[in-house]
Full PDB file with SEQRES, HELIX, SHEET, SSBOND, CRYST1, ORIGX, SCALE, CONECT and MASTER records, all heavy atoms in Angstrom:
SEQRES   1 A   37  GLY LEU SER ALA GLU LYS SER GLY MET ASP ARG ALA GLN          
SEQRES   2 A   37  ALA ASP TYR MET GLY MET LEU ALA THR VAL ILE ASN SER          
SEQRES   3 A   37  MET ALA LEU GLN ASN ALA LEU GLU THR LEU GLY                  
HELIX    1 AA1 LEU A    2  LYS A    6  1                                   5    
HELIX    2 AA2 ARG A   11  THR A   35  1                                  25    
CRYST1    1.000    1.000    1.000  90.00  90.00  90.00 P 1           1          
ORIGX1      1.000000  0.000000  0.000000        0.00000                         
ORIGX2      0.000000  1.000000  0.000000        0.00000                         
ORIGX3      0.000000  0.000000  1.000000        0.00000                         
SCALE1      1.000000  0.000000  0.000000        0.00000                         
SCALE2      0.000000  1.000000  0.000000        0.00000                         
SCALE3      0.000000  0.000000  1.000000        0.00000                         
ATOM      1  N   GLY A   1       0.788  -1.224   0.000  1.00  0.00           N  
ATOM      2  CA  GLY A   1       0.000   0.000   0.000  1.00  0.00           C  
ATOM      3  C   GLY A   1       0.819   1.272   0.000  1.00  0.00           C  
ATOM      4  O   GLY A   1       0.523   2.220  -0.721  1.00  0.00           O  
ATOM      5  N   LEU A   2       1.889   1.320   0.813  1.00  0.00           N  
ATOM      6  CA  LEU A   2       2.709   2.534   0.898  1.00  0.00           C  
ATOM      7  C   LEU A   2       3.367   2.866  -0.435  1.00  0.00           C  
ATOM      8  O   LEU A   2       3.441   4.021  -0.836  1.00  0.00           O  
ATOM      9  CB  LEU A   2       3.781   2.367   1.981  1.00  0.00           C  
ATOM     10  CG  LEU A   2       3.325   2.605   3.430  1.00  0.00           C  
ATOM     11  CD1 LEU A   2       4.449   2.245   4.392  1.00  0.00           C  
ATOM     12  CD2 LEU A   2       2.888   4.050   3.633  1.00  0.00           C  
ATOM     13  N   SER A   3       3.829   1.837  -1.141  1.00  0.00           N  
ATOM     14  CA  SER A   3       4.453   2.070  -2.448  1.00  0.00           C  
ATOM     15  C   SER A   3       3.439   2.594  -3.447  1.00  0.00           C  
ATOM     16  O   SER A   3       3.739   3.477  -4.259  1.00  0.00           O  
ATOM     17  CB  SER A   3       5.074   0.772  -2.972  1.00  0.00           C  
ATOM     18  OG  SER A   3       6.058   0.297  -2.081  1.00  0.00           O  
ATOM     19  N   ALA A   4       2.228   2.052  -3.390  1.00  0.00           N  
ATOM     20  CA  ALA A   4       1.180   2.496  -4.309  1.00  0.00           C  
ATOM     21  C   ALA A   4       0.791   3.943  -4.028  1.00  0.00           C  
ATOM     22  O   ALA A   4       0.518   4.718  -4.950  1.00  0.00           O  
ATOM     23  CB  ALA A   4      -0.040   1.585  -4.195  1.00  0.00           C  
ATOM     24  N   GLU A   5       0.789   4.319  -2.738  1.00  0.00           N  
ATOM     25  CA  GLU A   5       0.458   5.702  -2.381  1.00  0.00           C  
ATOM     26  C   GLU A   5       1.470   6.674  -2.987  1.00  0.00           C  
ATOM     27  O   GLU A   5       1.110   7.743  -3.490  1.00  0.00           O  
ATOM     28  CB  GLU A   5       0.424   5.866  -0.862  1.00  0.00           C  
ATOM     29  CG  GLU A   5       0.005   7.271  -0.422  1.00  0.00           C  
ATOM     30  CD  GLU A   5       0.314   7.548   1.038  1.00  0.00           C  
ATOM     31  OE1 GLU A   5       1.191   6.879   1.601  1.00  0.00           O  
ATOM     32  OE2 GLU A   5      -0.325   8.457   1.599  1.00  0.00           O  
ATOM     33  N   LYS A   6       2.751   6.302  -2.969  1.00  0.00           N  
ATOM     34  CA  LYS A   6       3.792   7.169  -3.508  1.00  0.00           C  
ATOM     35  C   LYS A   6       3.631   7.389  -5.005  1.00  0.00           C  
ATOM     36  O   LYS A   6       4.084   8.386  -5.548  1.00  0.00           O  
ATOM     37  CB  LYS A   6       5.165   6.571  -3.202  1.00  0.00           C  
ATOM     38  CG  LYS A   6       5.534   6.649  -1.727  1.00  0.00           C  
ATOM     39  CD  LYS A   6       6.845   5.944  -1.442  1.00  0.00           C  
ATOM     40  CE  LYS A   6       7.154   5.957   0.059  1.00  0.00           C  
ATOM     41  NZ  LYS A   6       8.360   5.158   0.374  1.00  0.00           N  
ATOM     42  N   SER A   7       3.002   6.432  -5.686  1.00  0.00           N  
ATOM     43  CA  SER A   7       2.801   6.573  -7.128  1.00  0.00           C  
ATOM     44  C   SER A   7       1.492   7.279  -7.462  1.00  0.00           C  
ATOM     45  O   SER A   7       1.112   7.366  -8.633  1.00  0.00           O  
ATOM     46  CB  SER A   7       2.842   5.203  -7.809  1.00  0.00           C  
ATOM     47  OG  SER A   7       1.762   4.397  -7.361  1.00  0.00           O  
ATOM     48  N   GLY A   8       0.778   7.761  -6.425  1.00  0.00           N  
ATOM     49  CA  GLY A   8      -0.403   8.575  -6.669  1.00  0.00           C  
ATOM     50  C   GLY A   8      -1.735   7.976  -6.280  1.00  0.00           C  
ATOM     51  O   GLY A   8      -2.771   8.618  -6.407  1.00  0.00           O  
ATOM     52  N   MET A   9      -1.739   6.733  -5.803  1.00  0.00           N  
ATOM     53  CA  MET A   9      -3.000   6.089  -5.418  1.00  0.00           C  
ATOM     54  C   MET A   9      -3.469   6.584  -4.055  1.00  0.00           C  
ATOM     55  O   MET A   9      -2.656   6.895  -3.182  1.00  0.00           O  
ATOM     56  CB  MET A   9      -2.832   4.566  -5.400  1.00  0.00           C  
ATOM     57  CG  MET A   9      -4.108   3.806  -5.095  1.00  0.00           C  
ATOM     58  SD  MET A   9      -3.893   2.010  -5.195  1.00  0.00           S  
ATOM     59  CE  MET A   9      -3.803   1.776  -6.959  1.00  0.00           C  
ATOM     60  N   ASP A  10      -4.760   6.663  -3.863  1.00  0.00           N  
ATOM     61  CA  ASP A  10      -5.325   7.017  -2.560  1.00  0.00           C  
ATOM     62  C   ASP A  10      -4.855   6.007  -1.511  1.00  0.00           C  
ATOM     63  O   ASP A  10      -4.930   4.791  -1.731  1.00  0.00           O  
ATOM     64  CB  ASP A  10      -6.858   7.006  -2.653  1.00  0.00           C  
ATOM     65  CG  ASP A  10      -7.506   7.265  -1.308  1.00  0.00           C  
ATOM     66  OD1 ASP A  10      -7.496   8.418  -0.868  1.00  0.00           O  
ATOM     67  OD2 ASP A  10      -8.012   6.290  -0.705  1.00  0.00           O  
ATOM     68  N   ARG A  11      -4.359   6.493  -0.373  1.00  0.00           N  
ATOM     69  CA  ARG A  11      -3.757   5.616   0.633  1.00  0.00           C  
ATOM     70  C   ARG A  11      -4.738   4.576   1.168  1.00  0.00           C  
ATOM     71  O   ARG A  11      -4.396   3.397   1.313  1.00  0.00           O  
ATOM     72  CB  ARG A  11      -3.204   6.460   1.785  1.00  0.00           C  
ATOM     73  CG  ARG A  11      -2.723   5.675   3.008  1.00  0.00           C  
ATOM     74  CD  ARG A  11      -1.505   4.811   2.717  1.00  0.00           C  
ATOM     75  NE  ARG A  11      -1.205   3.917   3.818  1.00  0.00           N  
ATOM     76  CZ  ARG A  11      -0.467   4.232   4.881  1.00  0.00           C  
ATOM     77  NH1 ARG A  11       0.056   5.443   4.984  1.00  0.00           N  
ATOM     78  NH2 ARG A  11      -0.235   3.347   5.821  1.00  0.00           N  
ATOM     79  N   ALA A  12      -5.952   4.995   1.478  1.00  0.00           N  
ATOM     80  CA  ALA A  12      -6.919   4.038   2.024  1.00  0.00           C  
ATOM     81  C   ALA A  12      -7.220   2.935   1.012  1.00  0.00           C  
ATOM     82  O   ALA A  12      -7.253   1.746   1.359  1.00  0.00           O  
ATOM     83  CB  ALA A  12      -8.199   4.758   2.431  1.00  0.00           C  
ATOM     84  N   GLN A  13      -7.420   3.326  -0.245  1.00  0.00           N  
ATOM     85  CA  GLN A  13      -7.691   2.341  -1.295  1.00  0.00           C  
ATOM     86  C   GLN A  13      -6.511   1.375  -1.443  1.00  0.00           C  
ATOM     87  O   GLN A  13      -6.688   0.161  -1.556  1.00  0.00           O  
ATOM     88  CB  GLN A  13      -7.946   3.061  -2.630  1.00  0.00           C  
ATOM     89  CG  GLN A  13      -8.373   2.147  -3.776  1.00  0.00           C  
ATOM     90  CD  GLN A  13      -9.848   1.804  -3.740  1.00  0.00           C  
ATOM     91  OE1 GLN A  13     -10.492   1.914  -2.692  1.00  0.00           O  
ATOM     92  NE2 GLN A  13     -10.384   1.390  -4.863  1.00  0.00           N  
ATOM     93  N   ALA A  14      -5.299   1.927  -1.437  1.00  0.00           N  
ATOM     94  CA  ALA A  14      -4.105   1.095  -1.570  1.00  0.00           C  
ATOM     95  C   ALA A  14      -3.971   0.123  -0.399  1.00  0.00           C  
ATOM     96  O   ALA A  14      -3.603  -1.046  -0.586  1.00  0.00           O  
ATOM     97  CB  ALA A  14      -2.867   1.992  -1.656  1.00  0.00           C  
ATOM     98  N   ASP A  15      -4.287   0.590   0.806  1.00  0.00           N  
ATOM     99  CA  ASP A  15      -4.186  -0.280   1.978  1.00  0.00           C  
ATOM    100  C   ASP A  15      -5.199  -1.421   1.923  1.00  0.00           C  
ATOM    101  O   ASP A  15      -4.890  -2.559   2.310  1.00  0.00           O  
ATOM    102  CB  ASP A  15      -4.377   0.525   3.263  1.00  0.00           C  
ATOM    103  CG  ASP A  15      -3.108   1.265   3.669  1.00  0.00           C  
ATOM    104  OD1 ASP A  15      -2.079   1.080   2.994  1.00  0.00           O  
ATOM    105  OD2 ASP A  15      -3.153   2.028   4.658  1.00  0.00           O  
ATOM    106  N   TYR A  16      -6.402  -1.131   1.451  1.00  0.00           N  
ATOM    107  CA  TYR A  16      -7.395  -2.211   1.312  1.00  0.00           C  
ATOM    108  C   TYR A  16      -6.927  -3.253   0.300  1.00  0.00           C  
ATOM    109  O   TYR A  16      -7.118  -4.461   0.488  1.00  0.00           O  
ATOM    110  CB  TYR A  16      -8.750  -1.638   0.892  1.00  0.00           C  
ATOM    111  CG  TYR A  16      -9.543  -1.053   2.048  1.00  0.00           C  
ATOM    112  CD1 TYR A  16      -9.925   0.287   2.056  1.00  0.00           C  
ATOM    113  CD2 TYR A  16      -9.916  -1.848   3.136  1.00  0.00           C  
ATOM    114  CE1 TYR A  16     -10.641   0.834   3.117  1.00  0.00           C  
ATOM    115  CE2 TYR A  16     -10.634  -1.315   4.195  1.00  0.00           C  
ATOM    116  CZ  TYR A  16     -10.996   0.018   4.186  1.00  0.00           C  
ATOM    117  OH  TYR A  16     -11.699   0.553   5.250  1.00  0.00           O  
ATOM    118  N   MET A  17      -6.303  -2.798  -0.778  1.00  0.00           N  
ATOM    119  CA  MET A  17      -5.757  -3.743  -1.756  1.00  0.00           C  
ATOM    120  C   MET A  17      -4.661  -4.596  -1.119  1.00  0.00           C  
ATOM    121  O   MET A  17      -4.566  -5.803  -1.369  1.00  0.00           O  
ATOM    122  CB  MET A  17      -5.214  -2.980  -2.965  1.00  0.00           C  
ATOM    123  CG  MET A  17      -6.303  -2.304  -3.786  1.00  0.00           C  
ATOM    124  SD  MET A  17      -5.660  -1.173  -5.039  1.00  0.00           S  
ATOM    125  CE  MET A  17      -4.910  -2.328  -6.186  1.00  0.00           C  
ATOM    126  N   GLY A  18      -3.841  -3.971  -0.269  1.00  0.00           N  
ATOM    127  CA  GLY A  18      -2.815  -4.717   0.447  1.00  0.00           C  
ATOM    128  C   GLY A  18      -3.404  -5.764   1.378  1.00  0.00           C  
ATOM    129  O   GLY A  18      -2.864  -6.862   1.526  1.00  0.00           O  
ATOM    130  N   MET A  19      -4.542  -5.431   2.000  1.00  0.00           N  
ATOM    131  CA  MET A  19      -5.216  -6.396   2.879  1.00  0.00           C  
ATOM    132  C   MET A  19      -5.662  -7.631   2.095  1.00  0.00           C  
ATOM    133  O   MET A  19      -5.556  -8.770   2.575  1.00  0.00           O  
ATOM    134  CB  MET A  19      -6.419  -5.753   3.557  1.00  0.00           C  
ATOM    135  CG  MET A  19      -6.071  -4.713   4.605  1.00  0.00           C  
ATOM    136  SD  MET A  19      -7.576  -3.966   5.276  1.00  0.00           S  
ATOM    137  CE  MET A  19      -7.065  -2.255   5.405  1.00  0.00           C  
ATOM    138  N   LEU A  20      -6.145  -7.414   0.886  1.00  0.00           N  
ATOM    139  CA  LEU A  20      -6.559  -8.546   0.055  1.00  0.00           C  
ATOM    140  C   LEU A  20      -5.355  -9.417  -0.305  1.00  0.00           C  
ATOM    141  O   LEU A  20      -5.465 -10.649  -0.370  1.00  0.00           O  
ATOM    142  CB  LEU A  20      -7.243  -8.045  -1.215  1.00  0.00           C  
ATOM    143  CG  LEU A  20      -8.535  -7.240  -1.012  1.00  0.00           C  
ATOM    144  CD1 LEU A  20      -9.127  -6.830  -2.352  1.00  0.00           C  
ATOM    145  CD2 LEU A  20      -9.556  -8.024  -0.207  1.00  0.00           C  
ATOM    146  N   ALA A  21      -4.200  -8.777  -0.494  1.00  0.00           N  
ATOM    147  CA  ALA A  21      -2.984  -9.532  -0.781  1.00  0.00           C  
ATOM    148  C   ALA A  21      -2.622 -10.437   0.393  1.00  0.00           C  
ATOM    149  O   ALA A  21      -2.170 -11.578   0.207  1.00  0.00           O  
ATOM    150  CB  ALA A  21      -1.832  -8.579  -1.097  1.00  0.00           C  
ATOM    151  N   THR A  22      -2.837  -9.966   1.621  1.00  0.00           N  
ATOM    152  CA  THR A  22      -2.518 -10.801   2.789  1.00  0.00           C  
ATOM    153  C   THR A  22      -3.428 -12.026   2.850  1.00  0.00           C  
ATOM    154  O   THR A  22      -3.010 -13.083   3.315  1.00  0.00           O  
ATOM    155  CB  THR A  22      -2.643 -10.021   4.119  1.00  0.00           C  
ATOM    156  OG1 THR A  22      -4.013  -9.765   4.420  1.00  0.00           O  
ATOM    157  CG2 THR A  22      -1.861  -8.717   4.074  1.00  0.00           C  
ATOM    158  N   VAL A  23      -4.664 -11.875   2.369  1.00  0.00           N  
ATOM    159  CA  VAL A  23      -5.580 -13.026   2.366  1.00  0.00           C  
ATOM    160  C   VAL A  23      -5.100 -14.073   1.365  1.00  0.00           C  
ATOM    161  O   VAL A  23      -5.157 -15.277   1.623  1.00  0.00           O  
ATOM    162  CB  VAL A  23      -7.026 -12.577   2.069  1.00  0.00           C  
ATOM    163  CG1 VAL A  23      -7.949 -13.779   1.962  1.00  0.00           C  
ATOM    164  CG2 VAL A  23      -7.521 -11.640   3.162  1.00  0.00           C  
ATOM    165  N   ILE A  24      -4.612 -13.630   0.207  1.00  0.00           N  
ATOM    166  CA  ILE A  24      -4.069 -14.566  -0.779  1.00  0.00           C  
ATOM    167  C   ILE A  24      -2.910 -15.357  -0.163  1.00  0.00           C  
ATOM    168  O   ILE A  24      -2.844 -16.589  -0.277  1.00  0.00           O  
ATOM    169  CB  ILE A  24      -3.610 -13.812  -2.045  1.00  0.00           C  
ATOM    170  CG1 ILE A  24      -4.815 -13.227  -2.780  1.00  0.00           C  
ATOM    171  CG2 ILE A  24      -2.811 -14.731  -2.974  1.00  0.00           C  
ATOM    172  CD1 ILE A  24      -4.454 -12.307  -3.939  1.00  0.00           C  
ATOM    173  N   ASN A  25      -1.991 -14.658   0.501  1.00  0.00           N  
ATOM    174  CA  ASN A  25      -0.869 -15.334   1.152  1.00  0.00           C  
ATOM    175  C   ASN A  25      -1.333 -16.274   2.256  1.00  0.00           C  
ATOM    176  O   ASN A  25      -0.792 -17.372   2.434  1.00  0.00           O  
ATOM    177  CB  ASN A  25       0.100 -14.299   1.724  1.00  0.00           C  
ATOM    178  CG  ASN A  25       0.931 -13.617   0.659  1.00  0.00           C  
ATOM    179  OD1 ASN A  25       1.106 -14.135  -0.434  1.00  0.00           O  
ATOM    180  ND2 ASN A  25       1.446 -12.441   0.976  1.00  0.00           N  
ATOM    181  N   SER A  26      -2.332 -15.835   3.009  1.00  0.00           N  
ATOM    182  CA  SER A  26      -2.867 -16.676   4.089  1.00  0.00           C  
ATOM    183  C   SER A  26      -3.475 -17.956   3.536  1.00  0.00           C  
ATOM    184  O   SER A  26      -3.311 -19.037   4.127  1.00  0.00           O  
ATOM    185  CB  SER A  26      -3.922 -15.894   4.879  1.00  0.00           C  
ATOM    186  OG  SER A  26      -3.355 -14.766   5.509  1.00  0.00           O  
ATOM    187  N   MET A  27      -4.145 -17.849   2.403  1.00  0.00           N  
ATOM    188  CA  MET A  27      -4.732 -19.038   1.774  1.00  0.00           C  
ATOM    189  C   MET A  27      -3.644 -19.993   1.298  1.00  0.00           C  
ATOM    190  O   MET A  27      -3.786 -21.218   1.392  1.00  0.00           O  
ATOM    191  CB  MET A  27      -5.626 -18.617   0.601  1.00  0.00           C  
ATOM    192  CG  MET A  27      -6.894 -17.888   1.030  1.00  0.00           C  
ATOM    193  SD  MET A  27      -7.847 -17.259  -0.382  1.00  0.00           S  
ATOM    194  CE  MET A  27      -8.450 -18.800  -1.095  1.00  0.00           C  
ATOM    195  N   ALA A  28      -2.534 -19.442   0.806  1.00  0.00           N  
ATOM    196  CA  ALA A  28      -1.418 -20.290   0.368  1.00  0.00           C  
ATOM    197  C   ALA A  28      -0.829 -21.052   1.548  1.00  0.00           C  
ATOM    198  O   ALA A  28      -0.537 -22.254   1.454  1.00  0.00           O  
ATOM    199  CB  ALA A  28      -0.341 -19.432  -0.310  1.00  0.00           C  
ATOM    200  N   LEU A  29      -0.653 -20.365   2.686  1.00  0.00           N  
ATOM    201  CA  LEU A  29      -0.127 -21.026   3.881  1.00  0.00           C  
ATOM    202  C   LEU A  29      -1.118 -22.047   4.412  1.00  0.00           C  
ATOM    203  O   LEU A  29      -0.731 -23.150   4.822  1.00  0.00           O  
ATOM    204  CB  LEU A  29       0.198 -19.987   4.952  1.00  0.00           C  
ATOM    205  CG  LEU A  29       0.745 -20.536   6.268  1.00  0.00           C  
ATOM    206  CD1 LEU A  29       2.068 -21.277   6.041  1.00  0.00           C  
ATOM    207  CD2 LEU A  29       0.947 -19.411   7.288  1.00  0.00           C  
ATOM    208  N   GLN A  30      -2.393 -21.698   4.401  1.00  0.00           N  
ATOM    209  CA  GLN A  30      -3.428 -22.639   4.847  1.00  0.00           C  
ATOM    210  C   GLN A  30      -3.391 -23.908   4.008  1.00  0.00           C  
ATOM    211  O   GLN A  30      -3.450 -25.023   4.531  1.00  0.00           O  
ATOM    212  CB  GLN A  30      -4.805 -21.974   4.748  1.00  0.00           C  
ATOM    213  CG  GLN A  30      -5.935 -22.892   5.214  1.00  0.00           C  
ATOM    214  CD  GLN A  30      -7.308 -22.248   5.063  1.00  0.00           C  
ATOM    215  OE1 GLN A  30      -7.573 -21.572   4.061  1.00  0.00           O  
ATOM    216  NE2 GLN A  30      -8.169 -22.441   6.042  1.00  0.00           N  
ATOM    217  N   ASN A  31      -3.277 -23.751   2.693  1.00  0.00           N  
ATOM    218  CA  ASN A  31      -3.234 -24.906   1.804  1.00  0.00           C  
ATOM    219  C   ASN A  31      -2.027 -25.785   2.106  1.00  0.00           C  
ATOM    220  O   ASN A  31      -2.130 -27.021   2.155  1.00  0.00           O  
ATOM    221  CB  ASN A  31      -3.189 -24.433   0.350  1.00  0.00           C  
ATOM    222  CG  ASN A  31      -3.110 -25.593  -0.627  1.00  0.00           C  
ATOM    223  OD1 ASN A  31      -4.079 -26.291  -0.862  1.00  0.00           O  
ATOM    224  ND2 ASN A  31      -1.934 -25.803  -1.195  1.00  0.00           N  
ATOM    225  N   ALA A  32      -0.867 -25.159   2.327  1.00  0.00           N  
ATOM    226  CA  ALA A  32       0.347 -25.934   2.631  1.00  0.00           C  
ATOM    227  C   ALA A  32       0.197 -26.707   3.933  1.00  0.00           C  
ATOM    228  O   ALA A  32       0.580 -27.880   4.021  1.00  0.00           O  
ATOM    229  CB  ALA A  32       1.555 -24.996   2.698  1.00  0.00           C  
ATOM    230  N   LEU A  33      -0.364 -26.073   4.947  1.00  0.00           N  
ATOM    231  CA  LEU A  33      -0.562 -26.743   6.235  1.00  0.00           C  
ATOM    232  C   LEU A  33      -1.535 -27.916   6.105  1.00  0.00           C  
ATOM    233  O   LEU A  33      -1.292 -28.999   6.649  1.00  0.00           O  
ATOM    234  CB  LEU A  33      -1.078 -25.739   7.271  1.00  0.00           C  
ATOM    235  CG  LEU A  33      -0.040 -24.752   7.820  1.00  0.00           C  
ATOM    236  CD1 LEU A  33      -0.725 -23.573   8.494  1.00  0.00           C  
ATOM    237  CD2 LEU A  33       0.898 -25.452   8.800  1.00  0.00           C  
ATOM    238  N   GLU A  34      -2.620 -27.705   5.378  1.00  0.00           N  
ATOM    239  CA  GLU A  34      -3.617 -28.768   5.248  1.00  0.00           C  
ATOM    240  C   GLU A  34      -3.102 -29.911   4.381  1.00  0.00           C  
ATOM    241  O   GLU A  34      -3.509 -31.058   4.555  1.00  0.00           O  
ATOM    242  CB  GLU A  34      -4.920 -28.181   4.714  1.00  0.00           C  
ATOM    243  CG  GLU A  34      -5.571 -27.254   5.744  1.00  0.00           C  
ATOM    244  CD  GLU A  34      -6.947 -26.754   5.358  1.00  0.00           C  
ATOM    245  OE1 GLU A  34      -7.291 -26.824   4.160  1.00  0.00           O  
ATOM    246  OE2 GLU A  34      -7.668 -26.278   6.264  1.00  0.00           O  
ATOM    247  N   THR A  35      -2.197 -29.613   3.451  1.00  0.00           N  
ATOM    248  CA  THR A  35      -1.535 -30.660   2.680  1.00  0.00           C  
ATOM    249  C   THR A  35      -0.753 -31.591   3.604  1.00  0.00           C  
ATOM    250  O   THR A  35      -0.638 -32.790   3.359  1.00  0.00           O  
ATOM    251  CB  THR A  35      -0.570 -30.038   1.637  1.00  0.00           C  
ATOM    252  OG1 THR A  35      -1.328 -29.238   0.731  1.00  0.00           O  
ATOM    253  CG2 THR A  35       0.168 -31.114   0.851  1.00  0.00           C  
ATOM    254  N   LEU A  36      -0.243 -31.020   4.697  1.00  0.00           N  
ATOM    255  CA  LEU A  36       0.521 -31.799   5.682  1.00  0.00           C  
ATOM    256  C   LEU A  36      -0.370 -32.423   6.752  1.00  0.00           C  
ATOM    257  O   LEU A  36       0.127 -33.035   7.698  1.00  0.00           O  
ATOM    258  CB  LEU A  36       1.560 -30.901   6.354  1.00  0.00           C  
ATOM    259  CG  LEU A  36       2.636 -30.293   5.441  1.00  0.00           C  
ATOM    260  CD1 LEU A  36       3.500 -29.310   6.217  1.00  0.00           C  
ATOM    261  CD2 LEU A  36       3.493 -31.381   4.808  1.00  0.00           C  
ATOM    262  N   GLY A  37      -1.682 -32.236   6.620  1.00  0.00           N  
ATOM    263  CA  GLY A  37      -2.605 -32.835   7.578  1.00  0.00           C  
ATOM    264  C   GLY A  37      -2.864 -32.017   8.822  1.00  0.00           C  
ATOM    265  O   GLY A  37      -3.365 -32.541   9.823  1.00  0.00           O  
TER     266      GLY A  37                                                      
MASTER        0    0    0    2    0    0    0    6  265    1    0    3          
END                                                                             
């Protein structure tokens, strides 16, 4: 989000997009853990 703000994006909008990115990463970790049982 901070990098996007520097390029002209609204900070709040950029931060919400960053939050969605954390969910993608969380799903990847969840999948890896469940693969291991």
